[in-house]
Amino acid sequence: MSSLAERFHDLHRAGTFVTLGVTAADDIARVVAIGAPVNVLALPGAPAVAELAALGVRRVSSGGALARVAYKAAEVAARELFDHGTYGYLARL
């Protein structure tokens, strides 16, 4: 993985974006060691933001995850209203 990241860095010196399921702290640290600013996509199993910062990561992106969480909340509320005619979802505001 490092050699691919190094080649990418040589082409795009502004920074490196870590994605494609890379969540292991050791792998992320190897990318940081290349020397470019690193942006990590937040994925299940990835280190917490504080640990990423300690590794030298400059930015953490959520991608579309926050929108998907909002869409799921809207789906759950609509399903409750449609199926049961109740407003329990309002208590979660």
C-alpha atoms as a PDB file:
ATOM      1  CA  MET A   1       0.000   0.000   0.000  1.00  0.00           C
ATOM      2  CA  SER A   2       2.784   2.452   0.807  1.00  0.00           C
ATOM      3  CA  SER A   3       4.274   2.333  -2.669  1.00  0.00           C
ATOM      4  CA  LEU A   4       0.888   3.111  -4.220  1.00  0.00           C
ATOM      5  CA  ALA A   5       0.388   5.968  -1.759  1.00  0.00           C
ATOM      6  CA  GLU A   6       3.880   7.265  -2.504  1.00  0.00           C
ATOM      7  CA  ARG A   7       3.190   7.220  -6.258  1.00  0.00           C
ATOM      8  CA  PHE A   8      -0.093   9.041  -5.688  1.00  0.00           C
ATOM      9  CA  HIS A   9       1.695  11.601  -3.515  1.00  0.00           C
ATOM     10  CA  ASP A  10       4.280  12.183  -6.240  1.00  0.00           C
ATOM     11  CA  LEU A  11       1.437  13.044  -8.621  1.00  0.00           C
ATOM     12  CA  HIS A  12      -0.670  15.071  -6.158  1.00  0.00           C
ATOM     13  CA  ARG A  13       1.597  16.774  -3.655  1.00  0.00           C
ATOM     14  CA  ALA A  14      -1.218  18.785  -2.065  1.00  0.00           C
ATOM     15  CA  GLY A  15      -2.345  15.854   0.060  1.00  0.00           C
ATOM     16  CA  THR A  16      -3.409  12.248   0.270  1.00  0.00           C
ATOM     17  CA  PHE A  17      -6.935  10.956   0.819  1.00  0.00           C
ATOM     18  CA  VAL A  18      -7.128   7.601   2.620  1.00  0.00           C
ATOM     19  CA  THR A  19     -10.226   5.606   1.726  1.00  0.00           C
ATOM     20  CA  LEU A  20     -11.100   2.218   0.222  1.00  0.00           C
ATOM     21  CA  GLY A  21     -11.549   0.539   3.583  1.00  0.00           C
ATOM     22  CA  VAL A  22      -8.226   1.523   5.132  1.00  0.00           C
ATOM     23  CA  THR A  23      -8.958   1.618   8.859  1.00  0.00           C
ATOM     24  CA  ALA A  24      -5.900   0.111  10.561  1.00  0.00           C
ATOM     25  CA  ALA A  25      -3.861   2.670  12.484  1.00  0.00           C
ATOM     26  CA  ASP A  26      -0.593   1.132  11.255  1.00  0.00           C
ATOM     27  CA  ASP A  27      -1.636   1.499   7.611  1.00  0.00           C
ATOM     28  CA  ILE A  28      -2.759   5.087   8.146  1.00  0.00           C
ATOM     29  CA  ALA A  29       0.523   5.894   9.932  1.00  0.00           C
ATOM     30  CA  ARG A  30       2.473   4.567   6.922  1.00  0.00           C
ATOM     31  CA  VAL A  31       0.557   6.923   4.627  1.00  0.00           C
ATOM     32  CA  VAL A  32       1.156   9.863   7.004  1.00  0.00           C
ATOM     33  CA  ALA A  33       4.876   9.042   6.959  1.00  0.00           C
ATOM     34  CA  ILE A  34       5.002   9.864   3.238  1.00  0.00           C
ATOM     35  CA  GLY A  35       4.835  13.531   4.217  1.00  0.00           C
ATOM     36  CA  ALA A  36       1.728  14.896   2.512  1.00  0.00           C
ATOM     37  CA  PRO A  37      -1.274  16.139   4.498  1.00  0.00           C
ATOM     38  CA  VAL A  38      -3.575  13.146   4.994  1.00  0.00           C
ATOM     39  CA  ASN A  39      -7.385  13.102   4.922  1.00  0.00           C
ATOM     40  CA  VAL A  40      -9.077   9.929   6.233  1.00  0.00           C
ATOM     41  CA  LEU A  41     -12.601   8.806   5.420  1.00  0.00           C
ATOM     42  CA  ALA A  42     -14.404   7.877   8.653  1.00  0.00           C
ATOM     43  CA  LEU A  43     -15.421   4.244   8.363  1.00  0.00           C
ATOM     44  CA  PRO A  44     -16.583   1.621  10.854  1.00  0.00           C
ATOM     45  CA  GLY A  45     -13.512   0.288  12.626  1.00  0.00           C
ATOM     46  CA  ALA A  46     -11.384   3.369  11.963  1.00  0.00           C
ATOM     47  CA  PRO A  47      -9.570   4.963  14.891  1.00  0.00           C
ATOM     48  CA  ALA A  48     -11.342   7.805  16.708  1.00  0.00           C
ATOM     49  CA  VAL A  49     -10.604  11.380  15.635  1.00  0.00           C
ATOM     50  CA  ALA A  50      -8.210  11.955  18.554  1.00  0.00           C
ATOM     51  CA  GLU A  51      -6.174   8.874  17.625  1.00  0.00           C
ATOM     52  CA  LEU A  52      -6.100   9.901  13.960  1.00  0.00           C
ATOM     53  CA  ALA A  53      -4.861  13.344  15.002  1.00  0.00           C
ATOM     54  CA  ALA A  54      -2.136  11.703  17.107  1.00  0.00           C
ATOM     55  CA  LEU A  55      -1.107   9.703  14.019  1.00  0.00           C
ATOM     56  CA  GLY A  56      -0.714  12.981  12.115  1.00  0.00           C
ATOM     57  CA  VAL A  57      -3.937  12.944  10.100  1.00  0.00           C
ATOM     58  CA  ARG A  58      -4.925  16.497   9.177  1.00  0.00           C
ATOM     59  CA  ARG A  59      -8.588  15.982   8.327  1.00  0.00           C
ATOM     60  CA  VAL A  60     -11.327  13.405   8.839  1.00  0.00           C
ATOM     61  CA  SER A  61     -14.214  13.288   6.375  1.00  0.00           C
ATOM     62  CA  SER A  62     -17.569  11.657   6.923  1.00  0.00           C
ATOM     63  CA  GLY A  63     -18.378  11.448   3.220  1.00  0.00           C
ATOM     64  CA  GLY A  64     -22.107  10.962   2.827  1.00  0.00           C
ATOM     65  CA  ALA A  65     -22.500   9.178   6.163  1.00  0.00           C
ATOM     66  CA  LEU A  66     -24.138  12.089   7.994  1.00  0.00           C
ATOM     67  CA  ALA A  67     -26.718  12.433   5.223  1.00  0.00           C
ATOM     68  CA  ARG A  68     -27.407   8.670   5.343  1.00  0.00           C
ATOM     69  CA  VAL A  69     -27.950   8.884   9.121  1.00  0.00           C
ATOM     70  CA  ALA A  70     -30.448  11.717   8.573  1.00  0.00           C
ATOM     71  CA  TYR A  71     -32.238   9.810   5.792  1.00  0.00           C
ATOM     72  CA  LYS A  72     -32.523   6.750   8.027  1.00  0.00           C
ATOM     73  CA  ALA A  73     -34.007   8.841  10.863  1.00  0.00           C
ATOM     74  CA  ALA A  74     -36.569  10.281   8.426  1.00  0.00           C
ATOM     75  CA  GLU A  75     -37.389   6.777   7.182  1.00  0.00           C
ATOM     76  CA  VAL A  76     -37.905   5.464  10.736  1.00  0.00           C
ATOM     77  CA  ALA A  77     -40.153   8.425  11.627  1.00  0.00           C
ATOM     78  CA  ALA A  78     -42.207   8.100   8.444  1.00  0.00           C
ATOM     79  CA  ARG A  79     -42.556   4.333   8.951  1.00  0.00           C
ATOM     80  CA  GLU A  80     -43.839   4.874  12.508  1.00  0.00           C
ATOM     81  CA  LEU A  81     -46.339   7.484  11.348  1.00  0.00           C
ATOM     82  CA  PHE A  82     -47.504   5.359   8.412  1.00  0.00           C
ATOM     83  CA  ASP A  83     -47.630   1.985  10.200  1.00  0.00           C
ATOM     84  CA  HIS A  84     -48.811   3.050  13.652  1.00  0.00           C
ATOM     85  CA  GLY A  85     -50.130   6.600  13.307  1.00  0.00           C
ATOM     86  CA  THR A  86     -48.034   7.622  16.306  1.00  0.00           C
ATOM     87  CA  TYR A  87     -45.502  10.387  16.940  1.00  0.00           C
ATOM     88  CA  GLY A  88     -42.924   8.692  19.156  1.00  0.00           C
ATOM     89  CA  TYR A  89     -40.201   9.929  16.834  1.00  0.00           C
ATOM     90  CA  LEU A  90     -40.822  13.461  18.116  1.00  0.00           C
ATOM     91  CA  ALA A  91     -39.455  12.454  21.538  1.00  0.00           C
ATOM     92  CA  ARG A  92     -36.088  11.819  19.869  1.00  0.00           C
ATOM     93  CA  LEU A  93     -35.656  15.446  18.777  1.00  0.00           C
END
